PDB file of N, CA and C in Angstrom:
ATOM      1  N   MET A   1     -26.795   0.379  17.237  1.00  0.00           N
ATOM      2  CA  MET A   1     -26.317  -0.735  16.291  1.00  0.00           C
ATOM      3  C   MET A   1     -27.036  -1.604  16.125  1.00  0.00           C
ATOM      4  N   ILE A   2     -26.998  -2.324  14.723  1.00  0.00           N
ATOM      5  CA  ILE A   2     -27.960  -3.416  14.461  1.00  0.00           C
ATOM      6  C   ILE A   2     -27.232  -4.816  15.487  1.00  0.00           C
ATOM      7  N   GLN A   3     -28.141  -5.282  15.953  1.00  0.00           N
ATOM      8  CA  GLN A   3     -27.470  -6.492  16.650  1.00  0.00           C
ATOM      9  C   GLN A   3     -28.963  -7.500  16.995  1.00  0.00           C
ATOM     10  N   THR A   4     -28.361  -9.026  17.076  1.00  0.00           N
ATOM     11  CA  THR A   4     -29.044  -9.889  17.232  1.00  0.00           C
ATOM     12  C   THR A   4     -28.518 -10.407  18.518  1.00  0.00           C
ATOM     13  N   GLY A   5     -29.497  -9.964  19.682  1.00  0.00           N
ATOM     14  CA  GLY A   5     -28.999 -10.584  20.750  1.00  0.00           C
ATOM     15  C   GLY A   5     -27.763  -9.210  21.108  1.00  0.00           C
ATOM     16  N   ASN A   6     -26.769 -10.021  21.706  1.00  0.00           N
ATOM     17  CA  ASN A   6     -25.423  -9.252  21.622  1.00  0.00           C
ATOM     18  C   ASN A   6     -24.601  -9.524  20.470  1.00  0.00           C
ATOM     19  N   ILE A   7     -25.399  -9.954  19.464  1.00  0.00           N
ATOM     20  CA  ILE A   7     -24.077 -10.249  18.259  1.00  0.00           C
ATOM     21  C   ILE A   7     -24.309  -9.378  17.081  1.00  0.00           C
ATOM     22  N   SER A   8     -23.463  -8.431  17.067  1.00  0.00           N
ATOM     23  CA  SER A   8     -23.498  -7.416  15.823  1.00  0.00           C
ATOM     24  C   SER A   8     -23.392  -7.897  14.503  1.00  0.00           C
ATOM     25  N   PHE A   9     -23.555  -7.468  13.565  1.00  0.00           N
ATOM     26  CA  PHE A   9     -23.693  -7.759  11.898  1.00  0.00           C
ATOM     27  C   PHE A   9     -21.706  -8.317  11.745  1.00  0.00           C
ATOM     28  N   VAL A  10     -20.985  -7.765  12.285  1.00  0.00           N
ATOM     29  CA  VAL A  10     -19.622  -7.800  12.156  1.00  0.00           C
ATOM     30  C   VAL A  10     -19.243  -9.219  12.801  1.00  0.00           C
ATOM     31  N   THR A  11     -19.607  -9.429  13.912  1.00  0.00           N
ATOM     32  CA  THR A  11     -19.308 -10.466  14.724  1.00  0.00           C
ATOM     33  C   THR A  11     -19.938 -12.023  13.805  1.00  0.00           C
ATOM     34  N   LYS A  12     -21.384 -11.574  13.424  1.00  0.00           N
ATOM     35  CA  LYS A  12     -22.095 -12.830  12.598  1.00  0.00           C
ATOM     36  C   LYS A  12     -21.249 -12.746  11.083  1.00  0.00           C
ATOM     37  N   ALA A  13     -20.743 -11.628  10.468  1.00  0.00           N
ATOM     38  CA  ALA A  13     -19.854 -11.785   9.458  1.00  0.00           C
ATOM     39  C   ALA A  13     -18.811 -12.647   9.448  1.00  0.00           C
ATOM     40  N   VAL A  14     -18.038 -12.217  10.582  1.00  0.00           N
ATOM     41  CA  VAL A  14     -16.648 -13.099  10.741  1.00  0.00           C
ATOM     42  C   VAL A  14     -16.947 -14.431  11.007  1.00  0.00           C
ATOM     43  N   ALA A  15     -18.234 -14.594  11.489  1.00  0.00           N
ATOM     44  CA  ALA A  15     -18.475 -16.186  11.849  1.00  0.00           C
ATOM     45  C   ALA A  15     -19.000 -17.070  10.591  1.00  0.00           C
ATOM     46  N   LEU A  16     -19.663 -16.098   9.872  1.00  0.00           N
ATOM     47  CA  LEU A  16     -20.007 -16.391   8.362  1.00  0.00           C
ATOM     48  C   LEU A  16     -19.170 -17.014   7.767  1.00  0.00           C
ATOM     49  N   CYS A  17     -18.304 -15.713   7.291  1.00  0.00           N
ATOM     50  CA  CYS A  17     -16.879 -15.682   6.695  1.00  0.00           C
ATOM     51  C   CYS A  17     -15.873 -17.030   7.074  1.00  0.00           C
ATOM     52  N   GLY A  18     -15.718 -17.024   8.480  1.00  0.00           N
ATOM     53  CA  GLY A  18     -15.161 -18.571   8.572  1.00  0.00           C
ATOM     54  C   GLY A  18     -15.858 -19.745   8.459  1.00  0.00           C
ATOM     55  N   MET A  19     -16.950 -19.592   8.308  1.00  0.00           N
ATOM     56  CA  MET A  19     -17.683 -21.128   7.786  1.00  0.00           C
ATOM     57  C   MET A  19     -17.482 -21.034   6.345  1.00  0.00           C
ATOM     58  N   VAL A  20     -17.552 -20.189   5.676  1.00  0.00           N
ATOM     59  CA  VAL A  20     -17.510 -20.507   4.323  1.00  0.00           C
ATOM     60  C   VAL A  20     -16.282 -20.614   3.976  1.00  0.00           C
ATOM     61  N   PHE A  21     -15.011 -20.014   4.613  1.00  0.00           N
ATOM     62  CA  PHE A  21     -13.764 -19.966   4.296  1.00  0.00           C
ATOM     63  C   PHE A  21     -13.668 -21.584   4.947  1.00  0.00           C
ATOM     64  N   ALA A  22     -13.721 -22.107   5.763  1.00  0.00           N
ATOM     65  CA  ALA A  22     -13.577 -23.496   6.112  1.00  0.00           C
ATOM     66  C   ALA A  22     -14.111 -24.559   5.247  1.00  0.00           C
ATOM     67  N   ALA A  23     -15.531 -24.165   4.640  1.00  0.00           N
ATOM     68  CA  ALA A  23     -16.391 -25.040   4.020  1.00  0.00           C
ATOM     69  C   ALA A  23     -15.709 -25.042   2.814  1.00  0.00           C
ATOM     70  N   GLY A  24     -14.993 -23.941   2.051  1.00  0.00           N
ATOM     71  CA  GLY A  24     -14.743 -24.038   0.888  1.00  0.00           C
ATOM     72  C   GLY A  24     -16.081 -23.904  -0.132  1.00  0.00           C
ATOM     73  N   CYS A  25     -17.161 -23.262   0.307  1.00  0.00           N
ATOM     74  CA  CYS A  25     -18.495 -23.311  -0.690  1.00  0.00           C
ATOM     75  C   CYS A  25     -18.892 -21.885  -0.822  1.00  0.00           C
ATOM     76  N   ALA A  26     -19.621 -21.451  -1.705  1.00  0.00           N
ATOM     77  CA  ALA A  26     -20.195 -20.266  -2.110  1.00  0.00           C
ATOM     78  C   ALA A  26     -21.254 -19.991  -1.151  1.00  0.00           C
ATOM     79  N   SER A  27     -21.393 -18.516  -1.165  1.00  0.00           N
ATOM     80  CA  SER A  27     -22.234 -17.833   0.068  1.00  0.00           C
ATOM     81  C   SER A  27     -23.502 -18.481  -0.243  1.00  0.00           C
ATOM     82  N   ALA A  28     -24.477 -18.767   0.953  1.00  0.00           N
ATOM     83  CA  ALA A  28     -25.519 -18.918   0.958  1.00  0.00           C
ATOM     84  C   ALA A  28     -26.521 -18.038   1.155  1.00  0.00           C
ATOM     85  N   ALA A  29     -26.070 -16.797   0.871  1.00  0.00           N
ATOM     86  CA  ALA A  29     -26.931 -15.622   1.028  1.00  0.00           C
ATOM     87  C   ALA A  29     -27.489 -15.055  -0.153  1.00  0.00           C
ATOM     88  N   GLU A  30     -29.052 -15.349  -0.239  1.00  0.00           N
ATOM     89  CA  GLU A  30     -29.948 -15.123  -1.322  1.00  0.00           C
ATOM     90  C   GLU A  30     -30.428 -13.898  -1.566  1.00  0.00           C
ATOM     91  N   ASP A  31     -29.940 -12.973  -0.723  1.00  0.00           N
ATOM     92  CA  ASP A  31     -29.958 -11.421  -1.107  1.00  0.00           C
ATOM     93  C   ASP A  31     -28.953 -10.769  -1.824  1.00  0.00           C
ATOM     94  N   ARG A  32     -28.835 -11.127  -2.979  1.00  0.00           N
ATOM     95  CA  ARG A  32     -27.645 -10.328  -3.773  1.00  0.00           C
ATOM     96  C   ARG A  32     -27.974  -8.744  -3.836  1.00  0.00           C
ATOM     97  N   VAL A  33     -26.675  -8.314  -3.999  1.00  0.00           N
ATOM     98  CA  VAL A  33     -26.620  -6.844  -3.858  1.00  0.00           C
ATOM     99  C   VAL A  33     -26.292  -5.771  -4.983  1.00  0.00           C
ATOM    100  N   THR A  34     -26.326  -4.962  -5.156  1.00  0.00           N
ATOM    101  CA  THR A  34     -26.047  -4.016  -6.176  1.00  0.00           C
ATOM    102  C   THR A  34     -24.530  -3.474  -5.992  1.00  0.00           C
ATOM    103  N   GLN A  35     -24.036  -3.513  -7.039  1.00  0.00           N
ATOM    104  CA  GLN A  35     -22.429  -2.588  -7.110  1.00  0.00           C
ATOM    105  C   GLN A  35     -22.457  -1.317  -6.320  1.00  0.00           C
ATOM    106  N   LYS A  36     -23.427  -0.704  -6.748  1.00  0.00           N
ATOM    107  CA  LYS A  36     -23.594   0.639  -5.671  1.00  0.00           C
ATOM    108  C   LYS A  36     -23.835   0.364  -4.065  1.00  0.00           C
ATOM    109  N   GLN A  37     -24.411  -0.596  -3.785  1.00  0.00           N
ATOM    110  CA  GLN A  37     -24.681  -0.834  -2.187  1.00  0.00           C
ATOM    111  C   GLN A  37     -23.045  -1.455  -2.017  1.00  0.00           C
ATOM    112  N   LYS A  38     -22.353  -2.047  -2.715  1.00  0.00           N
ATOM    113  CA  LYS A  38     -21.104  -2.765  -2.265  1.00  0.00           C
ATOM    114  C   LYS A  38     -20.039  -1.622  -2.293  1.00  0.00           C
ATOM    115  N   ASP A  39     -20.191  -0.307  -3.153  1.00  0.00           N
ATOM    116  CA  ASP A  39     -19.891   0.585  -3.168  1.00  0.00           C
ATOM    117  C   ASP A  39     -19.749   1.876  -2.024  1.00  0.00           C
ATOM    118  N   LYS A  40     -20.691   1.460  -1.261  1.00  0.00           N
ATOM    119  CA  LYS A  40     -21.135   2.408  -0.164  1.00  0.00           C
ATOM    120  C   LYS A  40     -20.377   1.733   1.279  1.00  0.00           C
ATOM    121  N   PHE A  41     -20.482   0.211   0.863  1.00  0.00           N
ATOM    122  CA  PHE A  41     -20.234  -0.544   2.094  1.00  0.00           C
ATOM    123  C   PHE A  41     -18.402  -0.319   1.998  1.00  0.00           C
ATOM    124  N   ILE A  42     -17.965  -0.701   0.805  1.00  0.00           N
ATOM    125  CA  ILE A  42     -16.311  -0.010   0.837  1.00  0.00           C
ATOM    126  C   ILE A  42     -16.120   1.151   1.096  1.00  0.00           C
ATOM    127  N   ALA A  43     -16.642   2.424   1.079  1.00  0.00           N
ATOM    128  CA  ALA A  43     -16.527   3.523   1.394  1.00  0.00           C
ATOM    129  C   ALA A  43     -16.321   3.535   2.979  1.00  0.00           C
ATOM    130  N   ALA A  44     -17.385   3.004   3.333  1.00  0.00           N
ATOM    131  CA  ALA A  44     -17.530   3.194   4.853  1.00  0.00           C
ATOM    132  C   ALA A  44     -16.593   2.199   5.457  1.00  0.00           C
ATOM    133  N   MET A  45     -16.122   1.164   4.802  1.00  0.00           N
ATOM    134  CA  MET A  45     -14.980   0.369   5.517  1.00  0.00           C
ATOM    135  C   MET A  45     -13.598   1.138   5.519  1.00  0.00           C
ATOM    136  N   ILE A  46     -13.134   1.818   4.126  1.00  0.00           N
ATOM    137  CA  ILE A  46     -12.261   2.586   4.457  1.00  0.00           C
ATOM    138  C   ILE A  46     -12.268   3.708   5.650  1.00  0.00           C
ATOM    139  N   SER A  47     -13.293   4.162   5.714  1.00  0.00           N
ATOM    140  CA  SER A  47     -13.398   5.262   6.866  1.00  0.00           C
ATOM    141  C   SER A  47     -13.124   4.600   8.100  1.00  0.00           C
ATOM    142  N   THR A  48     -13.071   3.480   7.886  1.00  0.00           N
ATOM    143  CA  THR A  48     -12.683   2.719   9.304  1.00  0.00           C
ATOM    144  C   THR A  48     -10.974   2.322   9.436  1.00  0.00           C
ATOM    145  N   GLY A  49     -10.404   2.597   8.203  1.00  0.00           N
ATOM    146  CA  GLY A  49      -8.990   2.332   8.093  1.00  0.00           C
ATOM    147  C   GLY A  49      -9.042   0.913   7.564  1.00  0.00           C
ATOM    148  N   CYS A  50      -9.897   0.179   7.090  1.00  0.00           N
ATOM    149  CA  CYS A  50      -9.900  -0.759   6.212  1.00  0.00           C
ATOM    150  C   CYS A  50     -10.196  -1.876   7.053  1.00  0.00           C
ATOM    151  N   TYR A  51     -10.173  -1.879   8.224  1.00  0.00           N
ATOM    152  CA  TYR A  51     -10.617  -2.709   9.230  1.00  0.00           C
ATOM    153  C   TYR A  51     -11.925  -2.734  10.122  1.00  0.00           C
ATOM    154  N   VAL A  52     -12.667  -3.847  10.560  1.00  0.00           N
ATOM    155  CA  VAL A  52     -13.780  -3.643  11.429  1.00  0.00           C
ATOM    156  C   VAL A  52     -13.315  -4.680  12.510  1.00  0.00           C
ATOM    157  N   ASN A  53     -12.937  -4.213  13.730  1.00  0.00           N
ATOM    158  CA  ASN A  53     -12.382  -4.948  14.931  1.00  0.00           C
ATOM    159  C   ASN A  53     -12.829  -4.711  16.139  1.00  0.00           C
ATOM    160  N   SER A  54     -13.916  -3.862  15.947  1.00  0.00           N
ATOM    161  CA  SER A  54     -14.395  -3.552  17.319  1.00  0.00           C
ATOM    162  C   SER A  54     -16.212  -3.174  17.049  1.00  0.00           C
ATOM    163  N   GLU A  55     -16.676  -2.941  18.188  1.00  0.00           N
ATOM    164  CA  GLU A  55     -17.949  -2.708  17.900  1.00  0.00           C
ATOM    165  C   GLU A  55     -18.515  -1.206  17.608  1.00  0.00           C
ATOM    166  N   GLU A  56     -17.442  -0.354  18.045  1.00  0.00           N
ATOM    167  CA  GLU A  56     -17.300   1.148  17.631  1.00  0.00           C
ATOM    168  C   GLU A  56     -16.997   1.086  16.212  1.00  0.00           C
ATOM    169  N   GLU A  57     -16.222   0.358  15.616  1.00  0.00           N
ATOM    170  CA  GLU A  57     -16.056   0.172  14.304  1.00  0.00           C
ATOM    171  C   GLU A  57     -17.169  -0.217  13.297  1.00  0.00           C
ATOM    172  N   ALA A  58     -17.860  -1.021  13.695  1.00  0.00           N
ATOM    173  CA  ALA A  58     -18.962  -1.622  12.989  1.00  0.00           C
ATOM    174  C   ALA A  58     -20.089  -0.621  13.057  1.00  0.00           C
ATOM    175  N   ALA A  59     -20.081  -0.121  14.139  1.00  0.00           N
ATOM    176  CA  ALA A  59     -21.224   1.013  14.172  1.00  0.00           C
ATOM    177  C   ALA A  59     -21.098   2.158  13.456  1.00  0.00           C
ATOM    178  N   ILE A  60     -19.966   2.465  12.910  1.00  0.00           N
ATOM    179  CA  ILE A  60     -19.570   3.409  12.026  1.00  0.00           C
ATOM    180  C   ILE A  60     -19.975   2.915  10.710  1.00  0.00           C
ATOM    181  N   VAL A  61     -19.717   1.920  10.255  1.00  0.00           N
ATOM    182  CA  VAL A  61     -20.025   1.244   8.973  1.00  0.00           C
ATOM    183  C   VAL A  61     -21.685   1.227   8.820  1.00  0.00           C
ATOM    184  N   GLU A  62     -22.244   0.429  10.180  1.00  0.00           N
ATOM    185  CA  GLU A  62     -23.508   0.740   9.983  1.00  0.00           C
ATOM    186  C   GLU A  62     -24.268   1.743   9.673  1.00  0.00           C
ATOM    187  N   LYS A  63     -23.913   2.944  10.570  1.00  0.00           N
ATOM    188  CA  LYS A  63     -24.347   4.112  10.490  1.00  0.00           C
ATOM    189  C   LYS A  63     -24.365   4.747   8.955  1.00  0.00           C
ATOM    190  N   GLN A  64     -22.886   4.844   8.356  1.00  0.00           N
ATOM    191  CA  GLN A  64     -23.154   5.406   7.117  1.00  0.00           C
ATOM    192  C   GLN A  64     -23.460   4.543   5.928  1.00  0.00           C
ATOM    193  N   THR A  65     -23.703   3.518   6.209  1.00  0.00           N
ATOM    194  CA  THR A  65     -24.724   2.803   5.171  1.00  0.00           C
ATOM    195  C   THR A  65     -25.821   2.487   5.325  1.00  0.00           C
ATOM    196  N   GLY A  66     -26.712   2.621   6.508  1.00  0.00           N
ATOM    197  CA  GLY A  66     -27.963   2.524   6.811  1.00  0.00           C
ATOM    198  C   GLY A  66     -28.605   1.118   6.453  1.00  0.00           C
ATOM    199  N   PHE A  67     -27.414   0.132   6.251  1.00  0.00           N
ATOM    200  CA  PHE A  67     -28.085  -1.303   5.636  1.00  0.00           C
ATOM    201  C   PHE A  67     -28.640  -2.060   6.896  1.00  0.00           C
ATOM    202  N   SER A  68     -29.338  -2.707   6.403  1.00  0.00           N
ATOM    203  CA  SER A  68     -29.773  -3.810   7.410  1.00  0.00           C
ATOM    204  C   SER A  68     -28.744  -5.050   7.811  1.00  0.00           C
ATOM    205  N   GLU A  69     -28.839  -5.618   8.817  1.00  0.00           N
ATOM    206  CA  GLU A  69     -27.995  -6.595   9.244  1.00  0.00           C
ATOM    207  C   GLU A  69     -27.740  -7.637   7.918  1.00  0.00           C
ATOM    208  N   GLU A  70     -29.177  -7.980   7.516  1.00  0.00           N
ATOM    209  CA  GLU A  70     -29.292  -9.097   6.539  1.00  0.00           C
ATOM    210  C   GLU A  70     -28.212  -8.612   5.392  1.00  0.00           C
ATOM    211  N   LYS A  71     -28.372  -7.208   4.700  1.00  0.00           N
ATOM    212  CA  LYS A  71     -27.778  -6.830   3.748  1.00  0.00           C
ATOM    213  C   LYS A  71     -26.334  -6.636   3.813  1.00  0.00           C
ATOM    214  N   LEU A  72     -25.920  -6.238   5.166  1.00  0.00           N
ATOM    215  CA  LEU A  72     -24.195  -5.800   5.539  1.00  0.00           C
ATOM    216  C   LEU A  72     -23.853  -7.548   5.377  1.00  0.00           C
ATOM    217  N   THR A  73     -24.428  -8.458   5.921  1.00  0.00           N
ATOM    218  CA  THR A  73     -23.681  -9.569   5.996  1.00  0.00           C
ATOM    219  C   THR A  73     -23.973 -10.370   4.324  1.00  0.00           C
ATOM    220  N   ALA A  74     -24.765 -10.118   3.519  1.00  0.00           N
ATOM    221  CA  ALA A  74     -24.867 -10.211   2.069  1.00  0.00           C
ATOM    222  C   ALA A  74     -23.743  -9.597   1.468  1.00  0.00           C
ATOM    223  N   ILE A  75     -23.353  -8.504   1.927  1.00  0.00           N
ATOM    224  CA  ILE A  75     -22.418  -7.823   1.358  1.00  0.00           C
ATOM    225  C   ILE A  75     -20.638  -8.300   1.432  1.00  0.00           C
ATOM    226  N   VAL A  76     -20.851  -8.617   2.928  1.00  0.00           N
ATOM    227  CA  VAL A  76     -19.207  -9.290   3.209  1.00  0.00           C
ATOM    228  C   VAL A  76     -19.415 -10.386   2.490  1.00  0.00           C
ATOM    229  N   LEU A  77     -20.263 -11.351   2.534  1.00  0.00           N
ATOM    230  CA  LEU A  77     -20.043 -12.721   1.847  1.00  0.00           C
ATOM    231  C   LEU A  77     -19.856 -12.425   0.498  1.00  0.00           C
ATOM    232  N   GLU A  78     -20.363 -11.466  -0.223  1.00  0.00           N
ATOM    233  CA  GLU A  78     -20.292 -11.389  -1.988  1.00  0.00           C
ATOM    234  C   GLU A  78     -18.785 -10.780  -1.730  1.00  0.00           C
ATOM    235  N   LEU A  79     -18.473  -9.964  -1.313  1.00  0.00           N
ATOM    236  CA  LEU A  79     -16.968  -9.027  -0.914  1.00  0.00           C
ATOM    237  C   LEU A  79     -15.859 -10.435  -0.886  1.00  0.00           C
ATOM    238  N   LYS A  80     -16.305 -11.236   0.210  1.00  0.00           N
ATOM    239  CA  LYS A  80     -15.448 -12.589   0.429  1.00  0.00           C
ATOM    240  C   LYS A  80     -15.092 -13.353  -0.743  1.00  0.00           C
ATOM    241  N   GLU A  81     -16.280 -13.637  -1.432  1.00  0.00           N
ATOM    242  CA  GLU A  81     -16.115 -14.753  -2.754  1.00  0.00           C
ATOM    243  C   GLU A  81     -15.180 -13.787  -3.853  1.00  0.00           C
ATOM    244  N   THR A  82     -15.167 -12.753  -3.692  1.00  0.00           N
ATOM    245  CA  THR A  82     -14.388 -11.705  -4.660  1.00  0.00           C
ATOM    246  C   THR A  82     -12.955 -11.675  -4.164  1.00  0.00           C
ATOM    247  N   GLY A  83     -12.381 -11.737  -3.108  1.00  0.00           N
ATOM    248  CA  GLY A  83     -11.620 -11.384  -2.336  1.00  0.00           C
ATOM    249  C   GLY A  83     -11.204 -10.117  -2.062  1.00  0.00           C
ATOM    250  N   GLU A  84     -12.378  -9.649  -2.000  1.00  0.00           N
ATOM    251  CA  GLU A  84     -11.948  -8.033  -1.595  1.00  0.00           C
ATOM    252  C   GLU A  84     -12.230  -7.897   0.265  1.00  0.00           C
ATOM    253  N   VAL A  85     -12.696  -8.935   0.871  1.00  0.00           N
ATOM    254  CA  VAL A  85     -12.398  -8.854   2.248  1.00  0.00           C
ATOM    255  C   VAL A  85     -12.150 -10.280   2.767  1.00  0.00           C
ATOM    256  N   ILE A  86     -11.410 -10.039   3.726  1.00  0.00           N
ATOM    257  CA  ILE A  86     -10.918 -11.341   4.305  1.00  0.00           C
ATOM    258  C   ILE A  86     -10.832 -11.469   6.017  1.00  0.00           C
ATOM    259  N   ARG A  87     -10.998 -12.450   6.510  1.00  0.00           N
ATOM    260  CA  ARG A  87     -11.180 -12.551   7.626  1.00  0.00           C
ATOM    261  C   ARG A  87      -9.604 -12.695   8.301  1.00  0.00           C
ATOM    262  N   GLU A  88      -9.413 -11.776   9.441  1.00  0.00           N
ATOM    263  CA  GLU A  88      -8.553 -11.633   9.934  1.00  0.00           C
ATOM    264  C   GLU A  88      -8.380 -11.789  11.211  1.00  0.00           C
ATOM    265  N   SER A  89      -8.420 -13.197  12.286  1.00  0.00           N
ATOM    266  CA  SER A  89      -8.634 -13.111  13.531  1.00  0.00           C
ATOM    267  C   SER A  89      -9.946 -13.112  13.749  1.00  0.00           C
ATOM    268  N   ASP A  90     -10.603 -11.981  14.894  1.00  0.00           N
ATOM    269  CA  ASP A  90     -11.827 -11.570  15.038  1.00  0.00           C
ATOM    270  C   ASP A  90     -12.375 -10.348  14.188  1.00  0.00           C
ATOM    271  N   SER A  91     -11.436  -9.898  13.039  1.00  0.00           N
ATOM    272  CA  SER A  91     -11.620  -8.672  12.457  1.00  0.00           C
ATOM    273  C   SER A  91     -12.013  -8.997  10.729  1.00  0.00           C
ATOM    274  N   LEU A  92     -12.819  -7.751  10.183  1.00  0.00           N
ATOM    275  CA  LEU A  92     -12.863  -8.187   8.659  1.00  0.00           C
ATOM    276  C   LEU A  92     -12.004  -6.979   8.607  1.00  0.00           C
ATOM    277  N   LYS A  93     -11.169  -7.454   7.123  1.00  0.00           N
ATOM    278  CA  LYS A  93     -10.371  -6.649   6.427  1.00  0.00           C
ATOM    279  C   LYS A  93     -10.570  -6.346   5.009  1.00  0.00           C
ATOM    280  N   LEU A  94     -10.679  -5.096   4.728  1.00  0.00           N
ATOM    281  CA  LEU A  94     -10.977  -5.002   3.355  1.00  0.00           C
ATOM    282  C   LEU A  94      -9.799  -4.675   2.272  1.00  0.00           C
ATOM    283  N   ILE A  95      -9.632  -5.174   1.279  1.00  0.00           N
ATOM    284  CA  ILE A  95      -8.675  -5.385   0.393  1.00  0.00           C
ATOM    285  C   ILE A  95      -9.030  -4.482  -0.912  1.00  0.00           C
ATOM    286  N   ASN A  96      -8.286  -3.238  -0.871  1.00  0.00           N
ATOM    287  CA  ASN A  96      -8.690  -2.295  -1.753  1.00  0.00           C
ATOM    288  C   ASN A  96      -7.627  -1.406  -1.867  1.00  0.00           C
ATOM    289  N   GLU A  97      -7.377  -0.883  -3.218  1.00  0.00           N
ATOM    290  CA  GLU A  97      -6.446   0.295  -3.271  1.00  0.00           C
ATOM    291  C   GLU A  97      -6.665   1.494  -2.601  1.00  0.00           C
ATOM    292  N   GLY A  98      -7.678   1.677  -1.841  1.00  0.00           N
ATOM    293  CA  GLY A  98      -7.836   2.896  -0.903  1.00  0.00           C
ATOM    294  C   GLY A  98      -7.185   2.392   0.636  1.00  0.00           C
ATOM    295  N   CYS A  99      -6.929   1.069   0.481  1.00  0.00           N
ATOM    296  CA  CYS A  99      -6.463   0.637   1.973  1.00  0.00           C
ATOM    297  C   CYS A  99      -5.254   0.758   1.843  1.00  0.00           C
ATOM    298  N   PRO A 100      -4.366   1.009   3.134  1.00  0.00           N
ATOM    299  CA  PRO A 100      -2.984   1.153   3.226  1.00  0.00           C
ATOM    300  C   PRO A 100      -2.558  -0.308   3.226  1.00  0.00           C
TER     301      PRO A 100
END
């Protein structure tokens, strides 16, 4: 699993989403992503039941996408901007027609 110290991309993304939500500002991620990359991430999120709230689920998303921590964080932030990903407590939730 991609980690910085003991912090996985999901933990960092949840924290970043919280900061962006609280500040009400646009994503600071300079690395923009393609629609194909977003679609791959969305498919991986759907495979976890549309939530990532554990390290095991984060590992599934990371493995299925093969993306770097920076790319995953950029994708999460872009999807947050469009309302396709929201933060619920310590989880990421995908808002998508493929989700229950």
